[in-house]
Amino acid sequence: MPTFVVLGKFTQEGIEKIKESPKWLEASRQAVKSVGGELKEFYYTMGRYDMVAIVEGPSVEAAMQALFTVGSAGAAKTETLVAFPAEEGIKIIKKLP
């Protein structure tokens, strides 16, 4: 199953309604689950991003569907990275000419 690192920033609306964040987190878990994935880890962070999530999903398309669902709430904007475990990355590197 592909792994995704999701970096998020609260929108102005998200900051104004920050106390609803636990509810949004649960809704995000359910959105990911609805497409066959799992929100593995979630962190509130300080700095450039307000949150980081590690998500597994059955496909890039499924992840996109979940992210559109979460994003449509308007509380946060996200940037998503496809992540490869070190072992897979090393296999890819070893195949380089």
C-alpha atoms as a PDB file:
ATOM      1  CA  MET A   1       0.000   0.000   0.000  1.00  0.00           C
ATOM      2  CA  PRO A   2       1.457   3.416  -0.891  1.00  0.00           C
ATOM      3  CA  THR A   3       2.459   5.692   1.970  1.00  0.00           C
ATOM      4  CA  PHE A   4       1.827   9.436   1.944  1.00  0.00           C
ATOM      5  CA  VAL A   5       3.187  12.233   4.112  1.00  0.00           C
ATOM      6  CA  VAL A   6       0.561  14.956   4.357  1.00  0.00           C
ATOM      7  CA  LEU A   7       1.719  18.407   5.468  1.00  0.00           C
ATOM      8  CA  GLY A   8      -1.064  20.754   6.533  1.00  0.00           C
ATOM      9  CA  LYS A   9      -1.620  24.393   7.377  1.00  0.00           C
ATOM     10  CA  PHE A  10      -4.750  25.753   9.001  1.00  0.00           C
ATOM     11  CA  THR A  11      -6.690  28.260   6.946  1.00  0.00           C
ATOM     12  CA  GLN A  12      -7.981  31.422   8.593  1.00  0.00           C
ATOM     13  CA  GLU A  13     -11.296  29.607   9.101  1.00  0.00           C
ATOM     14  CA  GLY A  14      -9.436  26.676  10.643  1.00  0.00           C
ATOM     15  CA  ILE A  15      -7.654  28.912  13.132  1.00  0.00           C
ATOM     16  CA  GLU A  16     -10.873  30.727  14.019  1.00  0.00           C
ATOM     17  CA  LYS A  17     -12.538  27.381  14.760  1.00  0.00           C
ATOM     18  CA  ILE A  18      -9.467  25.592  16.158  1.00  0.00           C
ATOM     19  CA  LYS A  19     -11.452  23.971  18.963  1.00  0.00           C
ATOM     20  CA  GLU A  20     -13.211  21.895  16.291  1.00  0.00           C
ATOM     21  CA  SER A  21      -9.883  20.370  15.252  1.00  0.00           C
ATOM     22  CA  PRO A  22     -10.395  17.060  17.117  1.00  0.00           C
ATOM     23  CA  LYS A  23     -13.675  16.621  15.225  1.00  0.00           C
ATOM     24  CA  TRP A  24     -11.928  17.365  11.909  1.00  0.00           C
ATOM     25  CA  LEU A  25      -9.210  14.847  12.752  1.00  0.00           C
ATOM     26  CA  GLU A  26     -11.816  12.133  13.297  1.00  0.00           C
ATOM     27  CA  ALA A  27     -13.570  13.112  10.055  1.00  0.00           C
ATOM     28  CA  SER A  28     -10.201  12.837   8.277  1.00  0.00           C
ATOM     29  CA  ARG A  29      -9.656   9.351   9.711  1.00  0.00           C
ATOM     30  CA  GLN A  30     -13.069   8.337   8.420  1.00  0.00           C
ATOM     31  CA  ALA A  31     -12.444   9.863   4.958  1.00  0.00           C
ATOM     32  CA  VAL A  32      -9.213   7.895   4.630  1.00  0.00           C
ATOM     33  CA  LYS A  33     -10.884   4.732   5.912  1.00  0.00           C
ATOM     34  CA  SER A  34     -13.766   5.156   3.439  1.00  0.00           C
ATOM     35  CA  VAL A  35     -11.356   4.743   0.517  1.00  0.00           C
ATOM     36  CA  GLY A  36      -9.620   1.714   2.025  1.00  0.00           C
ATOM     37  CA  GLY A  37      -6.742   3.527   3.703  1.00  0.00           C
ATOM     38  CA  GLU A  38      -5.540   4.242   7.209  1.00  0.00           C
ATOM     39  CA  LEU A  39      -4.342   7.382   8.939  1.00  0.00           C
ATOM     40  CA  LYS A  40      -1.324   5.814  10.656  1.00  0.00           C
ATOM     41  CA  GLU A  41       0.007   8.819  12.582  1.00  0.00           C
ATOM     42  CA  PHE A  42      -0.963  12.433  13.128  1.00  0.00           C
ATOM     43  CA  TYR A  43       1.013  15.235  14.750  1.00  0.00           C
ATOM     44  CA  TYR A  44       0.267  18.865  15.501  1.00  0.00           C
ATOM     45  CA  THR A  45       3.476  20.729  14.701  1.00  0.00           C
ATOM     46  CA  MET A  46       5.059  24.119  15.208  1.00  0.00           C
ATOM     47  CA  GLY A  47       6.821  25.915  12.404  1.00  0.00           C
ATOM     48  CA  ARG A  48       6.059  26.075   8.701  1.00  0.00           C
ATOM     49  CA  TYR A  49       3.284  23.458   8.966  1.00  0.00           C
ATOM     50  CA  ASP A  50       0.584  23.103  11.612  1.00  0.00           C
ATOM     51  CA  MET A  51       0.154  19.349  11.220  1.00  0.00           C
ATOM     52  CA  VAL A  52       1.749  16.267   9.689  1.00  0.00           C
ATOM     53  CA  ALA A  53       0.012  12.986   8.948  1.00  0.00           C
ATOM     54  CA  ILE A  54       1.292   9.626   7.771  1.00  0.00           C
ATOM     55  CA  VAL A  55      -1.344   7.917   5.662  1.00  0.00           C
ATOM     56  CA  GLU A  56      -1.477   4.587   3.846  1.00  0.00           C
ATOM     57  CA  GLY A  57      -3.885   4.071   0.995  1.00  0.00           C
ATOM     58  CA  PRO A  58      -4.640   1.502  -1.672  1.00  0.00           C
ATOM     59  CA  SER A  59      -3.695   3.890  -4.501  1.00  0.00           C
ATOM     60  CA  VAL A  60      -2.778   7.449  -5.394  1.00  0.00           C
ATOM     61  CA  GLU A  61      -6.319   7.907  -6.689  1.00  0.00           C
ATOM     62  CA  ALA A  62      -7.828   6.797  -3.371  1.00  0.00           C
ATOM     63  CA  ALA A  63      -5.535   9.175  -1.484  1.00  0.00           C
ATOM     64  CA  MET A  64      -6.580  12.010  -3.775  1.00  0.00           C
ATOM     65  CA  GLN A  65     -10.248  11.263  -3.139  1.00  0.00           C
ATOM     66  CA  ALA A  66      -9.710  11.315   0.634  1.00  0.00           C
ATOM     67  CA  LEU A  67      -7.687  14.547   0.442  1.00  0.00           C
ATOM     68  CA  PHE A  68     -10.380  16.257  -1.636  1.00  0.00           C
ATOM     69  CA  THR A  69     -12.958  15.183   0.928  1.00  0.00           C
ATOM     70  CA  VAL A  70     -10.883  16.531   3.805  1.00  0.00           C
ATOM     71  CA  GLY A  71      -9.915  19.708   1.943  1.00  0.00           C
ATOM     72  CA  SER A  72     -13.502  20.540   1.056  1.00  0.00           C
ATOM     73  CA  ALA A  73     -14.170  21.247   4.750  1.00  0.00           C
ATOM     74  CA  GLY A  74     -12.073  24.409   4.327  1.00  0.00           C
ATOM     75  CA  ALA A  75     -10.179  24.193   7.630  1.00  0.00           C
ATOM     76  CA  ALA A  76      -6.756  23.338   6.208  1.00  0.00           C
ATOM     77  CA  LYS A  77      -4.653  23.313   3.065  1.00  0.00           C
ATOM     78  CA  THR A  78      -2.391  20.356   2.444  1.00  0.00           C
ATOM     79  CA  GLU A  79       0.721  19.348   0.550  1.00  0.00           C
ATOM     80  CA  THR A  80       1.120  15.625  -0.021  1.00  0.00           C
ATOM     81  CA  LEU A  81       4.300  13.645  -0.608  1.00  0.00           C
ATOM     82  CA  VAL A  82       4.486  10.050  -1.786  1.00  0.00           C
ATOM     83  CA  ALA A  83       6.881   8.240   0.552  1.00  0.00           C
ATOM     84  CA  PHE A  84       8.994   5.161  -0.119  1.00  0.00           C
ATOM     85  CA  PRO A  85      10.403   3.019   2.690  1.00  0.00           C
ATOM     86  CA  ALA A  86      14.204   3.122   2.759  1.00  0.00           C
ATOM     87  CA  GLU A  87      14.435  -0.472   1.509  1.00  0.00           C
ATOM     88  CA  GLU A  88      12.389   0.360  -1.601  1.00  0.00           C
ATOM     89  CA  GLY A  89      14.368   3.527  -2.205  1.00  0.00           C
ATOM     90  CA  ILE A  90      17.624   1.573  -2.004  1.00  0.00           C
ATOM     91  CA  LYS A  91      16.311  -0.980  -4.550  1.00  0.00           C
ATOM     92  CA  ILE A  92      15.475   1.860  -6.928  1.00  0.00           C
ATOM     93  CA  ILE A  93      18.884   3.467  -6.420  1.00  0.00           C
ATOM     94  CA  LYS A  94      20.671   0.154  -7.066  1.00  0.00           C
ATOM     95  CA  LYS A  95      18.956  -0.066 -10.478  1.00  0.00           C
ATOM     96  CA  LEU A  96      20.436   3.248 -11.599  1.00  0.00           C
ATOM     97  CA  PRO A  97      22.974   3.035 -14.432  1.00  0.00           C
END
